[in-house]
Amino acid sequence: MMNHPRRPALAEAEWAAANGFDFLDLTVEGPGAAVEQIDGGELKRVLDAAGMTAVGHTSWMLPFASPFAAVRAAAVEVFCETLPLFRTVGVEWVNVHAGKAQGMFSRHDSLRWQAEAFAALAARAADHGLRVMVEHPPQREIGLAEMEVLLAGDARLGLHLDVGHLHVGTPDGLKLTREFVAHFAPRLAHVHLSDNKLKGDDHLPLGAGNIRWRDCLQVVRDAGYDRTLTLEVFSPDPALLLHSQRLVREFLG
């Protein structure tokens, strides 16, 4: 499960441990889980005691697609501020979010700027023993071809597949899931699961939206993927997150 960014990360980790999750998708972002608000040593203690691991998640708001070089450089530095924490917690993969072109600037320029920034992140993360994976956004402007450009900047970059994102704005997200998995299978590093109504990235419990999540999981499974799956489910009722957990475990056997 992913910790809720409005809540203290340590309390979220303790809840995850008490409820049988295998790992924490540690998102480091405010207002409740900014890097300066997290004690990495204490968090690692909680995870180790429960036999859990962690995956790194950074803020989707970092402006790597900005037309201002100084802003992109600042986003790289803000990202890198999280790396010592992730290393302390024992993370292997850290995500970064792709974005679409802004204003009157071209898609070509936006992709080039982001590819350069992500390549720089891959190099900086390697200094900490970490790897970077790029998560595609819930917008159709960033598809297979665009993600290919973003990942081409550095061979160490992985793909972070978000099943919910692939269903936003299209009635055939399952087809897109098949295409993404088939194309990027060798670079597939991590998977996010949540449901939605096909109009927005709702982060609903599995079964509460319109996604054929069992079919999507079968696509991932058939590709030979055997790494981490995060339930990115944010609900006022934690029972719905646990229900999603049960559904996935029953399906995977």
Protein backbone atom coordinates (compact mmCIF):
# COMPACT_ATOMS: atom_id res chain seq x y z
CA MET A 1 0.00 0.00 0.00
CA MET A 2 0.97 3.64 -0.41
CA ASN A 3 1.09 5.88 2.63
CA HIS A 4 -1.38 8.76 2.47
CA PRO A 5 0.54 12.04 1.96
CA ARG A 6 -1.77 13.82 4.41
CA ARG A 7 -0.76 11.49 7.27
CA PRO A 8 2.49 10.73 9.12
CA ALA A 9 4.43 8.10 7.18
CA LEU A 10 5.47 6.21 10.32
CA ALA A 11 1.86 5.72 11.44
CA GLU A 12 0.93 4.60 7.94
CA ALA A 13 3.79 2.08 7.95
CA GLU A 14 2.70 0.72 11.32
CA TRP A 15 -0.85 0.28 10.01
CA ALA A 16 0.44 -1.46 6.88
CA ALA A 17 2.55 -3.80 9.00
CA ALA A 18 -0.37 -4.60 11.29
CA ASN A 19 -2.55 -5.44 8.31
CA GLY A 20 -0.27 -7.81 6.47
CA PHE A 21 1.07 -5.76 3.60
CA ASP A 22 4.31 -6.95 2.03
CA PHE A 23 5.83 -3.54 1.42
CA LEU A 24 5.20 0.18 1.74
CA ASP A 25 5.04 2.36 -1.35
CA LEU A 26 6.69 5.28 0.44
CA THR A 27 5.46 8.52 -1.06
CA VAL A 28 7.55 11.46 0.11
CA GLU A 29 5.37 14.54 -0.29
CA GLY A 30 3.46 17.00 1.83
CA PRO A 31 1.47 17.98 3.64
CA GLY A 32 2.03 15.05 6.00
CA ALA A 33 4.92 13.07 4.53
CA ALA A 34 7.53 15.53 3.28
CA VAL A 35 11.14 14.42 3.46
CA GLU A 36 11.85 16.52 6.56
CA GLN A 37 8.84 14.94 8.32
CA ILE A 38 10.06 11.34 8.02
CA ASP A 39 12.53 9.63 10.33
CA GLY A 40 14.14 7.09 8.02
CA GLY A 41 15.73 5.08 10.82
CA GLU A 42 12.45 4.65 12.69
CA LEU A 43 10.62 3.81 9.49
CA LYS A 44 13.21 1.17 8.60
CA ARG A 45 12.83 -0.31 12.11
CA VAL A 46 9.07 -0.70 11.64
CA LEU A 47 9.48 -2.27 8.20
CA ASP A 48 12.22 -4.65 9.30
CA ALA A 49 10.21 -5.80 12.34
CA ALA A 50 7.34 -6.73 10.04
CA GLY A 51 9.55 -8.27 7.33
CA MET A 52 8.47 -5.54 4.91
CA THR A 53 10.36 -3.73 2.17
CA ALA A 54 9.69 -0.39 0.43
CA VAL A 55 9.35 1.24 -2.97
CA GLY A 56 10.07 4.96 -3.41
CA HIS A 57 7.48 7.44 -4.69
CA THR A 58 8.07 11.15 -5.27
CA SER A 59 5.64 14.00 -5.80
CA TRP A 60 3.74 14.18 -9.08
CA MET A 61 3.95 17.97 -8.80
CA LEU A 62 7.67 18.22 -9.58
CA PRO A 63 7.79 20.31 -12.81
CA PHE A 64 10.17 18.35 -15.04
CA ALA A 65 8.19 19.54 -18.10
CA SER A 66 8.62 23.22 -17.28
CA PRO A 67 9.93 25.37 -20.16
CA PHE A 68 12.29 27.07 -17.66
CA ALA A 69 15.66 25.33 -17.38
CA ALA A 70 16.18 26.69 -13.85
CA VAL A 71 12.84 25.25 -12.73
CA ARG A 72 13.69 21.83 -14.17
CA ALA A 73 17.09 21.94 -12.47
CA ALA A 74 15.39 22.82 -9.17
CA ALA A 75 13.00 19.87 -9.62
CA VAL A 76 15.99 17.57 -10.06
CA GLU A 77 17.48 18.85 -6.78
CA VAL A 78 14.19 18.47 -4.90
CA PHE A 79 13.94 14.89 -6.17
CA CYS A 80 17.51 14.18 -5.09
CA GLU A 81 16.79 15.43 -1.57
CA THR A 82 14.69 12.27 -1.09
CA LEU A 83 17.46 9.83 -2.08
CA PRO A 84 19.27 9.60 1.29
CA LEU A 85 15.95 8.77 2.95
CA PHE A 86 15.13 6.11 0.38
CA ARG A 87 18.59 4.60 0.77
CA THR A 88 18.16 4.48 4.56
CA VAL A 89 14.80 2.74 4.25
CA GLY A 90 16.24 0.15 1.84
CA VAL A 91 14.48 1.15 -1.37
CA GLU A 92 15.65 -0.18 -4.74
CA TRP A 93 13.34 1.67 -7.16
CA VAL A 94 12.18 5.31 -6.95
CA ASN A 95 9.51 6.72 -9.25
CA VAL A 96 9.26 10.02 -11.08
CA HIS A 97 6.23 11.35 -12.92
CA ALA A 98 6.13 12.30 -16.58
CA GLY A 99 4.14 15.37 -17.57
CA LYS A 100 2.62 16.92 -20.67
CA ALA A 101 3.73 19.99 -22.61
CA GLN A 102 2.82 23.36 -21.11
CA GLY A 103 1.47 26.46 -22.77
CA MET A 104 2.56 27.03 -26.36
CA PHE A 105 5.64 24.85 -26.09
CA SER A 106 5.81 21.79 -28.31
CA ARG A 107 5.44 18.18 -27.29
CA HIS A 108 8.89 17.55 -28.78
CA ASP A 109 10.53 20.12 -26.52
CA SER A 110 8.66 18.87 -23.45
CA LEU A 111 9.74 15.29 -24.05
CA ARG A 112 13.35 16.31 -24.69
CA TRP A 113 13.52 18.37 -21.50
CA GLN A 114 12.04 15.56 -19.42
CA ALA A 115 14.26 12.90 -20.99
CA GLU A 116 17.31 15.00 -20.09
CA ALA A 117 16.08 15.48 -16.53
CA PHE A 118 15.25 11.79 -16.05
CA ALA A 119 18.67 10.76 -17.37
CA ALA A 120 20.23 13.11 -14.81
CA LEU A 121 18.08 11.54 -12.08
CA ALA A 122 19.16 8.04 -13.10
CA ALA A 123 22.79 9.05 -12.71
CA ARG A 124 22.25 10.81 -9.38
CA ALA A 125 20.19 7.90 -8.01
CA ALA A 126 22.88 5.41 -9.01
CA ASP A 127 25.27 7.25 -6.69
CA HIS A 128 22.96 6.14 -3.85
CA GLY A 129 22.54 2.58 -5.13
CA LEU A 130 19.02 3.34 -6.39
CA ARG A 131 17.22 3.09 -9.71
CA VAL A 132 14.62 5.42 -11.23
CA MET A 133 11.35 4.38 -12.89
CA VAL A 134 9.16 6.73 -14.93
CA GLU A 135 5.40 6.73 -14.30
CA HIS A 136 3.16 7.69 -17.21
CA PRO A 137 0.47 10.29 -16.37
CA PRO A 138 -3.32 9.89 -16.62
CA GLN A 139 -3.41 11.87 -19.87
CA ARG A 140 -3.59 10.44 -23.36
CA GLU A 141 -0.95 12.93 -24.58
CA ILE A 142 1.70 10.61 -23.13
CA GLY A 143 1.43 7.25 -24.86
CA LEU A 144 3.75 4.49 -25.99
CA ALA A 145 5.80 6.64 -28.34
CA GLU A 146 6.22 9.40 -25.78
CA MET A 147 7.26 7.01 -23.02
CA GLU A 148 9.77 5.45 -25.38
CA VAL A 149 11.39 8.87 -25.80
CA LEU A 150 11.45 9.48 -22.04
CA LEU A 151 13.04 6.12 -21.28
CA ALA A 152 15.57 6.39 -24.10
CA GLY A 153 17.63 8.95 -22.20
CA ASP A 154 19.23 6.32 -19.94
CA ALA A 155 19.20 2.52 -20.16
CA ARG A 156 18.92 2.29 -16.37
CA LEU A 157 15.44 3.86 -16.35
CA GLY A 158 12.50 1.54 -15.73
CA LEU A 159 8.78 1.83 -16.49
CA HIS A 160 6.30 2.36 -13.67
CA LEU A 161 2.96 1.04 -14.97
CA ASP A 162 -0.19 2.59 -13.51
CA VAL A 163 -3.27 0.60 -14.53
CA GLY A 164 -5.65 3.32 -13.36
CA HIS A 165 -3.87 5.97 -15.45
CA LEU A 166 -4.23 3.86 -18.60
CA HIS A 167 -8.02 3.88 -18.19
CA VAL A 168 -8.55 7.62 -17.78
CA GLY A 169 -10.24 9.17 -20.83
CA THR A 170 -10.64 5.96 -22.81
CA PRO A 171 -13.15 3.08 -22.91
CA ASP A 172 -10.38 0.61 -23.77
CA GLY A 173 -7.78 0.84 -21.04
CA LEU A 174 -7.35 -2.92 -21.13
CA LYS A 175 -6.07 -2.64 -24.70
CA LEU A 176 -3.63 0.07 -23.64
CA THR A 177 -2.50 -2.08 -20.72
CA ARG A 178 -1.75 -4.93 -23.11
CA GLU A 179 0.18 -2.60 -25.42
CA PHE A 180 2.24 -1.02 -22.63
CA VAL A 181 3.10 -4.35 -21.02
CA ALA A 182 4.00 -5.99 -24.34
CA HIS A 183 6.19 -3.07 -25.42
CA PHE A 184 7.95 -2.38 -22.13
CA ALA A 185 7.99 -5.82 -20.48
CA PRO A 186 11.81 -5.93 -20.13
CA ARG A 187 11.80 -2.55 -18.37
CA LEU A 188 8.69 -3.03 -16.22
CA ALA A 189 9.77 -2.18 -12.66
CA HIS A 190 6.58 -1.60 -10.66
CA VAL A 191 2.77 -1.59 -10.99
CA HIS A 192 0.08 0.60 -9.42
CA LEU A 193 -3.49 -0.65 -9.02
CA SER A 194 -6.59 1.42 -8.32
CA ASP A 195 -10.03 1.72 -9.82
CA ASN A 196 -11.77 4.69 -11.46
CA LYS A 197 -14.82 5.68 -13.52
CA LEU A 198 -12.72 6.23 -16.68
CA LYS A 199 -12.92 10.01 -16.37
CA GLY A 200 -10.36 10.83 -13.65
CA ASP A 201 -7.64 9.24 -11.53
CA ASP A 202 -10.02 8.48 -8.65
CA HIS A 203 -7.87 6.00 -6.62
CA LEU A 204 -10.96 3.95 -5.84
CA PRO A 205 -10.95 0.50 -4.22
CA LEU A 206 -10.86 -2.37 -6.70
CA GLY A 207 -14.33 -3.16 -7.95
CA ALA A 208 -15.72 0.30 -7.20
CA GLY A 209 -15.09 1.63 -10.71
CA ASN A 210 -15.19 0.46 -14.31
CA ILE A 211 -11.74 -1.12 -14.72
CA ARG A 212 -11.51 -4.83 -15.53
CA TRP A 213 -8.70 -5.13 -13.03
CA ARG A 214 -8.58 -8.94 -13.03
CA ASP A 215 -8.01 -8.92 -16.79
CA CYS A 216 -5.35 -6.23 -16.40
CA LEU A 217 -3.57 -8.23 -13.71
CA GLN A 218 -3.68 -11.29 -15.95
CA VAL A 219 -1.93 -9.29 -18.68
CA VAL A 220 0.82 -8.37 -16.25
CA ARG A 221 1.07 -11.92 -14.96
CA ASP A 222 1.20 -13.44 -18.47
CA ALA A 223 4.17 -11.17 -19.24
CA GLY A 224 6.13 -12.93 -16.49
CA TYR A 225 6.12 -9.95 -14.16
CA ASP A 226 6.81 -11.01 -10.57
CA ARG A 227 7.69 -7.80 -8.73
CA THR A 228 5.77 -5.32 -6.58
CA LEU A 229 2.10 -4.34 -6.95
CA THR A 230 0.87 -1.27 -5.05
CA LEU A 231 -2.72 -0.61 -4.09
CA GLU A 232 -2.87 3.17 -4.55
CA VAL A 233 -6.28 3.30 -2.89
CA PHE A 234 -7.25 6.33 -0.82
CA SER A 235 -10.55 5.84 0.99
CA PRO A 236 -11.91 7.24 4.27
CA ASP A 237 -12.77 3.64 5.18
CA PRO A 238 -9.62 1.49 5.51
CA ALA A 239 -11.77 -1.64 5.21
CA LEU A 240 -12.06 -0.90 1.49
CA LEU A 241 -8.27 -0.95 1.11
CA LEU A 242 -8.15 -4.28 2.93
CA HIS A 243 -10.95 -5.58 0.69
CA SER A 244 -8.82 -4.65 -2.34
CA GLN A 245 -5.88 -6.47 -0.75
CA ARG A 246 -7.98 -9.63 -0.36
CA LEU A 247 -9.19 -9.44 -3.96
CA VAL A 248 -5.67 -9.24 -5.35
CA ARG A 249 -4.37 -12.06 -3.16
CA GLU A 250 -7.30 -14.30 -4.05
CA PHE A 251 -6.75 -13.66 -7.75
CA LEU A 252 -3.00 -14.28 -7.56
CA GLY A 253 -3.49 -17.39 -5.47
